[in-house]
Amino acid sequence: MSTASKVTFAGSLVFAAGSFLFINWSQGLERQALRQGPIKDAARMEAKRTQKMVANEAEHREQMELRDKLIKIQPLSDEIIRGDEAPTPQLDQK
């Protein structure tokens, strides 16, 4: 076997081994990325839920402050005020 053929054979072996290792490495990275998908989705949904909860608490606090302010202006009582109801007009039935 000539030196040129030995170099070519060695180069092709190195290229084949390198290609094999690179493909396995890249597939491993892709598998890890696919496994991280549901984990990232769960974290994103939890952050969204937490953000919504914080917004609801802030709005509740704001509504309670507004209610307290309005009660100071006009206190609530249990008294029910009823006005005289005007008679409803009767339709002519023929």
PDB file of N, CA and C in Angstrom:
ATOM      1  N   MET A   1       0.858  -1.168   0.000  1.00  0.00           N
ATOM      2  CA  MET A   1       0.000   0.000   0.000  1.00  0.00           C
ATOM      3  C   MET A   1       0.902   1.229   0.000  1.00  0.00           C
ATOM      4  N   SER A   2       0.560   2.158  -0.841  1.00  0.00           N
ATOM      5  CA  SER A   2       1.398   3.344  -0.958  1.00  0.00           C
ATOM      6  C   SER A   2       1.094   4.327   0.169  1.00  0.00           C
ATOM      7  N   THR A   3       1.974   5.261   0.357  1.00  0.00           N
ATOM      8  CA  THR A   3       1.829   6.278   1.406  1.00  0.00           C
ATOM      9  C   THR A   3       0.602   7.151   1.139  1.00  0.00           C
ATOM     10  N   ALA A   4       0.360   7.477  -0.085  1.00  0.00           N
ATOM     11  CA  ALA A   4      -0.791   8.322  -0.424  1.00  0.00           C
ATOM     12  C   ALA A   4      -2.101   7.607  -0.084  1.00  0.00           C
ATOM     13  N   SER A   5      -2.163   6.322  -0.350  1.00  0.00           N
ATOM     14  CA  SER A   5      -3.384   5.584  -0.041  1.00  0.00           C
ATOM     15  C   SER A   5      -3.560   5.435   1.470  1.00  0.00           C
ATOM     16  N   LYS A   6      -2.451   5.274   2.202  1.00  0.00           N
ATOM     17  CA  LYS A   6      -2.525   5.189   3.671  1.00  0.00           C
ATOM     18  C   LYS A   6      -3.015   6.511   4.257  1.00  0.00           C
ATOM     19  N   VAL A   7      -2.526   7.625   3.727  1.00  0.00           N
ATOM     20  CA  VAL A   7      -2.945   8.953   4.206  1.00  0.00           C
ATOM     21  C   VAL A   7      -4.419   9.176   3.878  1.00  0.00           C
ATOM     22  N   THR A   8      -4.827   8.788   2.697  1.00  0.00           N
ATOM     23  CA  THR A   8      -6.232   8.944   2.308  1.00  0.00           C
ATOM     24  C   THR A   8      -7.138   8.089   3.191  1.00  0.00           C
ATOM     25  N   PHE A   9      -6.693   6.833   3.424  1.00  0.00           N
ATOM     26  CA  PHE A   9      -7.483   5.937   4.278  1.00  0.00           C
ATOM     27  C   PHE A   9      -7.567   6.483   5.707  1.00  0.00           C
ATOM     28  N   ALA A  10      -6.459   6.961   6.255  1.00  0.00           N
ATOM     29  CA  ALA A  10      -6.445   7.521   7.608  1.00  0.00           C
ATOM     30  C   ALA A  10      -7.316   8.778   7.665  1.00  0.00           C
ATOM     31  N   GLY A  11      -7.242   9.603   6.640  1.00  0.00           N
ATOM     32  CA  GLY A  11      -8.066  10.818   6.608  1.00  0.00           C
ATOM     33  C   GLY A  11      -9.547  10.489   6.552  1.00  0.00           C
ATOM     34  N   SER A  12      -9.903   9.494   5.776  1.00  0.00           N
ATOM     35  CA  SER A  12     -11.317   9.119   5.694  1.00  0.00           C
ATOM     36  C   SER A  12     -11.798   8.506   7.004  1.00  0.00           C
ATOM     37  N   LEU A  13     -10.938   7.741   7.702  1.00  0.00           N
ATOM     38  CA  LEU A  13     -11.310   7.198   9.016  1.00  0.00           C
ATOM     39  C   LEU A  13     -11.522   8.315  10.036  1.00  0.00           C
ATOM     40  N   VAL A  14     -10.619   9.283  10.039  1.00  0.00           N
ATOM     41  CA  VAL A  14     -10.734  10.420  10.964  1.00  0.00           C
ATOM     42  C   VAL A  14     -11.998  11.214  10.645  1.00  0.00           C
ATOM     43  N   PHE A  15     -12.268  11.426   9.361  1.00  0.00           N
ATOM     44  CA  PHE A  15     -13.471  12.162   8.971  1.00  0.00           C
ATOM     45  C   PHE A  15     -14.736  11.413   9.388  1.00  0.00           C
ATOM     46  N   ALA A  16     -14.759  10.085   9.174  1.00  0.00           N
ATOM     47  CA  ALA A  16     -15.934   9.283   9.543  1.00  0.00           C
ATOM     48  C   ALA A  16     -16.142   9.285  11.057  1.00  0.00           C
ATOM     49  N   ALA A  17     -15.056   9.116  11.807  1.00  0.00           N
ATOM     50  CA  ALA A  17     -15.166   9.120  13.273  1.00  0.00           C
ATOM     51  C   ALA A  17     -15.598  10.494  13.778  1.00  0.00           C
ATOM     52  N   GLY A  18     -15.029  11.542  13.202  1.00  0.00           N
ATOM     53  CA  GLY A  18     -15.413  12.908  13.599  1.00  0.00           C
ATOM     54  C   GLY A  18     -16.867  13.188  13.287  1.00  0.00           C
ATOM     55  N   SER A  19     -17.320  12.749  12.120  1.00  0.00           N
ATOM     56  CA  SER A  19     -18.728  12.950  11.753  1.00  0.00           C
ATOM     57  C   SER A  19     -19.638  12.216  12.718  1.00  0.00           C
ATOM     58  N   PHE A  20     -19.280  10.981  13.050  1.00  0.00           N
ATOM     59  CA  PHE A  20     -20.083  10.180  13.983  1.00  0.00           C
ATOM     60  C   PHE A  20     -20.179  10.853  15.350  1.00  0.00           C
ATOM     61  N   LEU A  21     -19.034  11.302  15.862  1.00  0.00           N
ATOM     62  CA  LEU A  21     -19.016  11.951  17.173  1.00  0.00           C
ATOM     63  C   LEU A  21     -19.801  13.272  17.155  1.00  0.00           C
ATOM     64  N   PHE A  22     -19.637  14.053  16.092  1.00  0.00           N
ATOM     65  CA  PHE A  22     -20.358  15.323  16.004  1.00  0.00           C
ATOM     66  C   PHE A  22     -21.865  15.097  15.942  1.00  0.00           C
ATOM     67  N   ILE A  23     -22.304  14.112  15.152  1.00  0.00           N
ATOM     68  CA  ILE A  23     -23.748  13.837  15.041  1.00  0.00           C
ATOM     69  C   ILE A  23     -24.307  13.374  16.381  1.00  0.00           C
ATOM     70  N   ASN A  24     -23.603  12.497  17.076  1.00  0.00           N
ATOM     71  CA  ASN A  24     -24.073  12.049  18.395  1.00  0.00           C
ATOM     72  C   ASN A  24     -24.131  13.203  19.385  1.00  0.00           C
ATOM     73  N   TRP A  25     -23.128  14.073  19.350  1.00  0.00           N
ATOM     74  CA  TRP A  25     -23.091  15.218  20.262  1.00  0.00           C
ATOM     75  C   TRP A  25     -24.271  16.164  19.977  1.00  0.00           C
ATOM     76  N   SER A  26     -24.514  16.457  18.677  1.00  0.00           N
ATOM     77  CA  SER A  26     -25.609  17.377  18.333  1.00  0.00           C
ATOM     78  C   SER A  26     -26.971  16.775  18.661  1.00  0.00           C
ATOM     79  N   GLN A  27     -27.130  15.466  18.475  1.00  0.00           N
ATOM     80  CA  GLN A  27     -28.403  14.827  18.841  1.00  0.00           C
ATOM     81  C   GLN A  27     -28.616  14.862  20.349  1.00  0.00           C
ATOM     82  N   GLY A  28     -27.552  14.715  21.107  1.00  0.00           N
ATOM     83  CA  GLY A  28     -27.661  14.819  22.572  1.00  0.00           C
ATOM     84  C   GLY A  28     -28.125  16.207  22.990  1.00  0.00           C
ATOM     85  N   LEU A  29     -27.582  17.234  22.343  1.00  0.00           N
ATOM     86  CA  LEU A  29     -28.017  18.606  22.641  1.00  0.00           C
ATOM     87  C   LEU A  29     -29.490  18.813  22.283  1.00  0.00           C
ATOM     88  N   GLU A  30     -29.911  18.255  21.153  1.00  0.00           N
ATOM     89  CA  GLU A  30     -31.314  18.384  20.749  1.00  0.00           C
ATOM     90  C   GLU A  30     -32.231  17.677  21.735  1.00  0.00           C
ATOM     91  N   ARG A  31     -31.828  16.494  22.206  1.00  0.00           N
ATOM     92  CA  ARG A  31     -32.642  15.769  23.193  1.00  0.00           C
ATOM     93  C   ARG A  31     -32.770  16.572  24.488  1.00  0.00           C
ATOM     94  N   GLN A  32     -31.672  17.169  24.924  1.00  0.00           N
ATOM     95  CA  GLN A  32     -31.720  17.993  26.138  1.00  0.00           C
ATOM     96  C   GLN A  32     -32.644  19.186  25.944  1.00  0.00           C
ATOM     97  N   ALA A  33     -32.590  19.791  24.765  1.00  0.00           N
ATOM     98  CA  ALA A  33     -33.455  20.941  24.486  1.00  0.00           C
ATOM     99  C   ALA A  33     -34.919  20.510  24.487  1.00  0.00           C
ATOM    100  N   LEU A  34     -35.211  19.337  23.932  1.00  0.00           N
ATOM    101  CA  LEU A  34     -36.594  18.848  23.929  1.00  0.00           C
ATOM    102  C   LEU A  34     -37.083  18.544  25.337  1.00  0.00           C
ATOM    103  N   ARG A  35     -36.204  18.054  26.183  1.00  0.00           N
ATOM    104  CA  ARG A  35     -36.596  17.778  27.572  1.00  0.00           C
ATOM    105  C   ARG A  35     -36.845  19.064  28.348  1.00  0.00           C
ATOM    106  N   GLN A  36     -36.128  20.115  27.979  1.00  0.00           N
ATOM    107  CA  GLN A  36     -36.290  21.394  28.672  1.00  0.00           C
ATOM    108  C   GLN A  36     -37.581  22.099  28.277  1.00  0.00           C
ATOM    109  N   GLY A  37     -38.172  21.743  27.142  1.00  0.00           N
ATOM    110  CA  GLY A  37     -39.394  22.398  26.674  1.00  0.00           C
ATOM    111  C   GLY A  37     -40.515  22.377  27.690  1.00  0.00           C
ATOM    112  N   PRO A  38     -40.936  21.188  28.180  1.00  0.00           N
ATOM    113  CA  PRO A  38     -42.014  21.153  29.177  1.00  0.00           C
ATOM    114  C   PRO A  38     -41.647  21.846  30.483  1.00  0.00           C
ATOM    115  N   ILE A  39     -40.370  21.773  30.853  1.00  0.00           N
ATOM    116  CA  ILE A  39     -39.940  22.427  32.089  1.00  0.00           C
ATOM    117  C   ILE A  39     -40.060  23.940  31.938  1.00  0.00           C
ATOM    118  N   LYS A  40     -39.636  24.460  30.783  1.00  0.00           N
ATOM    119  CA  LYS A  40     -39.739  25.904  30.540  1.00  0.00           C
ATOM    120  C   LYS A  40     -41.201  26.331  30.447  1.00  0.00           C
ATOM    121  N   ASP A  41     -42.042  25.502  29.825  1.00  0.00           N
ATOM    122  CA  ASP A  41     -43.467  25.824  29.735  1.00  0.00           C
ATOM    123  C   ASP A  41     -44.099  25.900  31.123  1.00  0.00           C
ATOM    124  N   ALA A  42     -43.766  24.942  31.980  1.00  0.00           N
ATOM    125  CA  ALA A  42     -44.309  24.944  33.340  1.00  0.00           C
ATOM    126  C   ALA A  42     -43.857  26.189  34.093  1.00  0.00           C
ATOM    127  N   ALA A  43     -42.595  26.562  33.933  1.00  0.00           N
ATOM    128  CA  ALA A  43     -42.083  27.765  34.606  1.00  0.00           C
ATOM    129  C   ALA A  43     -42.773  29.011  34.067  1.00  0.00           C
ATOM    130  N   ARG A  44     -42.988  29.058  32.754  1.00  0.00           N
ATOM    131  CA  ARG A  44     -43.652  30.211  32.145  1.00  0.00           C
ATOM    132  C   ARG A  44     -45.101  30.307  32.626  1.00  0.00           C
ATOM    133  N   MET A  45     -45.789  29.173  32.713  1.00  0.00           N
ATOM    134  CA  MET A  45     -47.179  29.189  33.182  1.00  0.00           C
ATOM    135  C   MET A  45     -47.250  29.593  34.654  1.00  0.00           C
ATOM    136  N   GLU A  46     -46.310  29.131  35.460  1.00  0.00           N
ATOM    137  CA  GLU A  46     -46.283  29.507  36.874  1.00  0.00           C
ATOM    138  C   GLU A  46     -46.021  31.005  37.030  1.00  0.00           C
ATOM    139  N   ALA A  47     -45.108  31.544  36.220  1.00  0.00           N
ATOM    140  CA  ALA A  47     -44.831  32.983  36.279  1.00  0.00           C
ATOM    141  C   ALA A  47     -46.065  33.780  35.864  1.00  0.00           C
ATOM    142  N   LYS A  48     -46.773  33.308  34.846  1.00  0.00           N
ATOM    143  CA  LYS A  48     -47.987  33.986  34.398  1.00  0.00           C
ATOM    144  C   LYS A  48     -49.060  33.939  35.481  1.00  0.00           C
ATOM    145  N   ARG A  49     -49.201  32.774  36.145  1.00  0.00           N
ATOM    146  CA  ARG A  49     -50.181  32.625  37.222  1.00  0.00           C
ATOM    147  C   ARG A  49     -49.840  33.547  38.394  1.00  0.00           C
ATOM    148  N   THR A  50     -48.550  33.616  38.717  1.00  0.00           N
ATOM    149  CA  THR A  50     -48.108  34.475  39.819  1.00  0.00           C
ATOM    150  C   THR A  50     -48.351  35.942  39.482  1.00  0.00           C
ATOM    151  N   GLN A  51     -48.054  36.323  38.244  1.00  0.00           N
ATOM    152  CA  GLN A  51     -48.261  37.701  37.811  1.00  0.00           C
ATOM    153  C   GLN A  51     -49.743  38.064  37.876  1.00  0.00           C
ATOM    154  N   LYS A  52     -50.596  37.145  37.459  1.00  0.00           N
ATOM    155  CA  LYS A  52     -52.033  37.397  37.498  1.00  0.00           C
ATOM    156  C   LYS A  52     -52.515  37.520  38.943  1.00  0.00           C
ATOM    157  N   MET A  53     -51.966  36.677  39.838  1.00  0.00           N
ATOM    158  CA  MET A  53     -52.357  36.720  41.239  1.00  0.00           C
ATOM    159  C   MET A  53     -51.955  38.053  41.864  1.00  0.00           C
ATOM    160  N   VAL A  54     -50.759  38.529  41.538  1.00  0.00           N
ATOM    161  CA  VAL A  54     -50.284  39.809  42.069  1.00  0.00           C
ATOM    162  C   VAL A  54     -51.177  40.944  41.565  1.00  0.00           C
ATOM    163  N   ALA A  55     -51.549  40.889  40.280  1.00  0.00           N
ATOM    164  CA  ALA A  55     -52.420  41.927  39.724  1.00  0.00           C
ATOM    165  C   ALA A  55     -53.789  41.895  40.391  1.00  0.00           C
ATOM    166  N   ASN A  56     -54.321  40.699  40.646  1.00  0.00           N
ATOM    167  CA  ASN A  56     -55.621  40.588  41.315  1.00  0.00           C
ATOM    168  C   ASN A  56     -55.557  41.130  42.742  1.00  0.00           C
ATOM    169  N   GLU A  57     -54.470  40.822  43.441  1.00  0.00           N
ATOM    170  CA  GLU A  57     -54.321  41.329  44.809  1.00  0.00           C
ATOM    171  C   GLU A  57     -54.224  42.852  44.816  1.00  0.00           C
ATOM    172  N   ALA A  58     -53.505  43.415  43.854  1.00  0.00           N
ATOM    173  CA  ALA A  58     -53.370  44.872  43.774  1.00  0.00           C
ATOM    174  C   ALA A  58     -54.722  45.513  43.487  1.00  0.00           C
ATOM    175  N   GLU A  59     -55.489  44.918  42.573  1.00  0.00           N
ATOM    176  CA  GLU A  59     -56.799  45.480  42.266  1.00  0.00           C
ATOM    177  C   GLU A  59     -57.740  45.338  43.460  1.00  0.00           C
ATOM    178  N   HIS A  60     -57.672  44.223  44.175  1.00  0.00           N
ATOM    179  CA  HIS A  60     -58.509  44.036  45.361  1.00  0.00           C
ATOM    180  C   HIS A  60     -58.174  45.085  46.414  1.00  0.00           C
ATOM    181  N   ARG A  61     -56.884  45.299  46.618  1.00  0.00           N
ATOM    182  CA  ARG A  61     -56.458  46.308  47.602  1.00  0.00           C
ATOM    183  C   ARG A  61     -56.957  47.695  47.182  1.00  0.00           C
ATOM    184  N   GLU A  62     -56.864  48.011  45.897  1.00  0.00           N
ATOM    185  CA  GLU A  62     -57.335  49.296  45.387  1.00  0.00           C
ATOM    186  C   GLU A  62     -58.842  49.443  45.576  1.00  0.00           C
ATOM    187  N   GLN A  63     -59.590  48.383  45.308  1.00  0.00           N
ATOM    188  CA  GLN A  63     -61.043  48.433  45.476  1.00  0.00           C
ATOM    189  C   GLN A  63     -61.427  48.597  46.950  1.00  0.00           C
ATOM    190  N   MET A  64     -60.697  47.945  47.845  1.00  0.00           N
ATOM    191  CA  MET A  64     -60.985  48.083  49.274  1.00  0.00           C
ATOM    192  C   MET A  64     -60.681  49.504  49.754  1.00  0.00           C
ATOM    193  N   GLU A  65     -59.592  50.085  49.262  1.00  0.00           N
ATOM    194  CA  GLU A  65     -59.278  51.467  49.628  1.00  0.00           C
ATOM    195  C   GLU A  65     -60.358  52.418  49.119  1.00  0.00           C
ATOM    196  N   LEU A  66     -60.819  52.199  47.895  1.00  0.00           N
ATOM    197  CA  LEU A  66     -61.882  53.017  47.334  1.00  0.00           C
ATOM    198  C   LEU A  66     -63.176  52.845  48.129  1.00  0.00           C
ATOM    199  N   ARG A  67     -63.486  51.626  48.526  1.00  0.00           N
ATOM    200  CA  ARG A  67     -64.693  51.363  49.319  1.00  0.00           C
ATOM    201  C   ARG A  67     -64.608  52.093  50.664  1.00  0.00           C
ATOM    202  N   ASP A  68     -63.444  51.999  51.329  1.00  0.00           N
ATOM    203  CA  ASP A  68     -63.282  52.682  52.612  1.00  0.00           C
ATOM    204  C   ASP A  68     -63.421  54.198  52.445  1.00  0.00           C
ATOM    205  N   LYS A  69     -62.860  54.730  51.366  1.00  0.00           N
ATOM    206  CA  LYS A  69     -62.958  56.164  51.121  1.00  0.00           C
ATOM    207  C   LYS A  69     -64.419  56.569  50.899  1.00  0.00           C
ATOM    208  N   LEU A  70     -65.156  55.774  50.120  1.00  0.00           N
ATOM    209  CA  LEU A  70     -66.554  56.099  49.857  1.00  0.00           C
ATOM    210  C   LEU A  70     -67.424  55.927  51.094  1.00  0.00           C
ATOM    211  N   ILE A  71     -67.103  54.969  51.954  1.00  0.00           N
ATOM    212  CA  ILE A  71     -67.858  54.787  53.198  1.00  0.00           C
ATOM    213  C   ILE A  71     -67.647  55.984  54.114  1.00  0.00           C
ATOM    214  N   LYS A  72     -66.456  56.572  54.117  1.00  0.00           N
ATOM    215  CA  LYS A  72     -66.212  57.762  54.928  1.00  0.00           C
ATOM    216  C   LYS A  72     -67.054  58.933  54.430  1.00  0.00           C
ATOM    217  N   ILE A  73     -67.231  58.998  53.114  1.00  0.00           N
ATOM    218  CA  ILE A  73     -68.031  60.083  52.547  1.00  0.00           C
ATOM    219  C   ILE A  73     -69.514  59.858  52.812  1.00  0.00           C
ATOM    220  N   GLN A  74     -69.978  58.640  52.594  1.00  0.00           N
ATOM    221  CA  GLN A  74     -71.390  58.321  52.768  1.00  0.00           C
ATOM    222  C   GLN A  74     -71.490  56.951  53.420  1.00  0.00           C
ATOM    223  N   PRO A  75     -71.685  56.943  54.755  1.00  0.00           N
ATOM    224  CA  PRO A  75     -71.726  55.668  55.467  1.00  0.00           C
ATOM    225  C   PRO A  75     -72.896  54.799  55.001  1.00  0.00           C
ATOM    226  N   LEU A  76     -72.681  53.495  55.082  1.00  0.00           N
ATOM    227  CA  LEU A  76     -73.724  52.548  54.726  1.00  0.00           C
ATOM    228  C   LEU A  76     -74.596  52.256  55.933  1.00  0.00           C
ATOM    229  N   SER A  77     -75.854  51.968  55.699  1.00  0.00           N
ATOM    230  CA  SER A  77     -76.752  51.562  56.779  1.00  0.00           C
ATOM    231  C   SER A  77     -77.603  50.411  56.265  1.00  0.00           C
ATOM    232  N   ASP A  78     -78.252  49.738  57.188  1.00  0.00           N
ATOM    233  CA  ASP A  78     -79.101  48.614  56.814  1.00  0.00           C
ATOM    234  C   ASP A  78     -80.500  49.065  56.407  1.00  0.00           C
ATOM    235  N   GLU A  79     -80.768  50.352  56.506  1.00  0.00           N
ATOM    236  CA  GLU A  79     -82.096  50.867  56.198  1.00  0.00           C
ATOM    237  C   GLU A  79     -82.359  50.789  54.698  1.00  0.00           C
ATOM    238  N   ILE A  80     -83.527  50.293  54.360  1.00  0.00           N
ATOM    239  CA  ILE A  80     -83.924  50.207  52.968  1.00  0.00           C
ATOM    240  C   ILE A  80     -84.899  51.344  52.704  1.00  0.00           C
ATOM    241  N   ILE A  81     -84.577  52.167  51.748  1.00  0.00           N
ATOM    242  CA  ILE A  81     -85.423  53.299  51.409  1.00  0.00           C
ATOM    243  C   ILE A  81     -86.249  52.910  50.201  1.00  0.00           C
ATOM    244  N   ARG A  82     -87.559  53.004  50.386  1.00  0.00           N
ATOM    245  CA  ARG A  82     -88.451  52.664  49.288  1.00  0.00           C
ATOM    246  C   ARG A  82     -89.230  53.910  48.897  1.00  0.00           C
ATOM    247  N   GLY A  83     -89.256  54.164  47.619  1.00  0.00           N
ATOM    248  CA  GLY A  83     -90.013  55.316  47.139  1.00  0.00           C
ATOM    249  C   GLY A  83     -91.412  54.875  46.732  1.00  0.00           C
ATOM    250  N   ASP A  84     -92.315  55.853  46.649  1.00  0.00           N
ATOM    251  CA  ASP A  84     -93.658  55.523  46.177  1.00  0.00           C
ATOM    252  C   ASP A  84     -93.563  55.171  44.703  1.00  0.00           C
ATOM    253  N   GLU A  85     -94.117  54.047  44.391  1.00  0.00           N
ATOM    254  CA  GLU A  85     -94.086  53.631  42.998  1.00  0.00           C
ATOM    255  C   GLU A  85     -95.250  54.272  42.274  1.00  0.00           C
ATOM    256  N   ALA A  86     -94.954  54.825  41.149  1.00  0.00           N
ATOM    257  CA  ALA A  86     -96.011  55.419  40.329  1.00  0.00           C
ATOM    258  C   ALA A  86     -96.814  54.286  39.707  1.00  0.00           C
ATOM    259  N   PRO A  87     -98.115  54.493  39.596  1.00  0.00           N
ATOM    260  CA  PRO A  87     -98.925  53.406  38.997  1.00  0.00           C
ATOM    261  C   PRO A  87     -98.519  53.205  37.539  1.00  0.00           C
ATOM    262  N   THR A  88     -98.504  51.972  37.152  1.00  0.00           N
ATOM    263  CA  THR A  88     -98.129  51.661  35.769  1.00  0.00           C
ATOM    264  C   THR A  88     -99.334  51.929  34.878  1.00  0.00           C
ATOM    265  N   PRO A  89     -99.119  52.533  33.761  1.00  0.00           N
ATOM    266  CA  PRO A  89    -100.255  52.823  32.878  1.00  0.00           C
ATOM    267  C   PRO A  89    -100.834  51.528  32.331  1.00  0.00           C
ATOM    268  N   GLN A  90    -102.160  51.478  32.347  1.00  0.00           N
ATOM    269  CA  GLN A  90    -102.881  50.305  31.832  1.00  0.00           C
ATOM    270  C   GLN A  90    -103.054  50.453  30.334  1.00  0.00           C
ATOM    271  N   LEU A  91    -102.798  49.396  29.631  1.00  0.00           N
ATOM    272  CA  LEU A  91    -103.027  49.391  28.205  1.00  0.00           C
ATOM    273  C   LEU A  91    -104.490  49.099  27.933  1.00  0.00           C
ATOM    274  N   ASP A  92    -105.023  49.780  26.996  1.00  0.00           N
ATOM    275  CA  ASP A  92    -106.410  49.526  26.628  1.00  0.00           C
ATOM    276  C   ASP A  92    -106.494  48.160  25.962  1.00  0.00           C
ATOM    277  N   GLN A  93    -107.338  47.343  26.544  1.00  0.00           N
ATOM    278  CA  GLN A  93    -107.526  46.021  25.941  1.00  0.00           C
ATOM    279  C   GLN A  93    -108.901  45.972  25.319  1.00  0.00           C
ATOM    280  N   LYS A  94    -108.970  45.729  24.079  1.00  0.00           N
ATOM    281  CA  LYS A  94    -110.252  45.701  23.384  1.00  0.00           C
ATOM    282  C   LYS A  94    -110.530  44.357  22.831  1.00  0.00           C
TER     283      LYS A  94
END
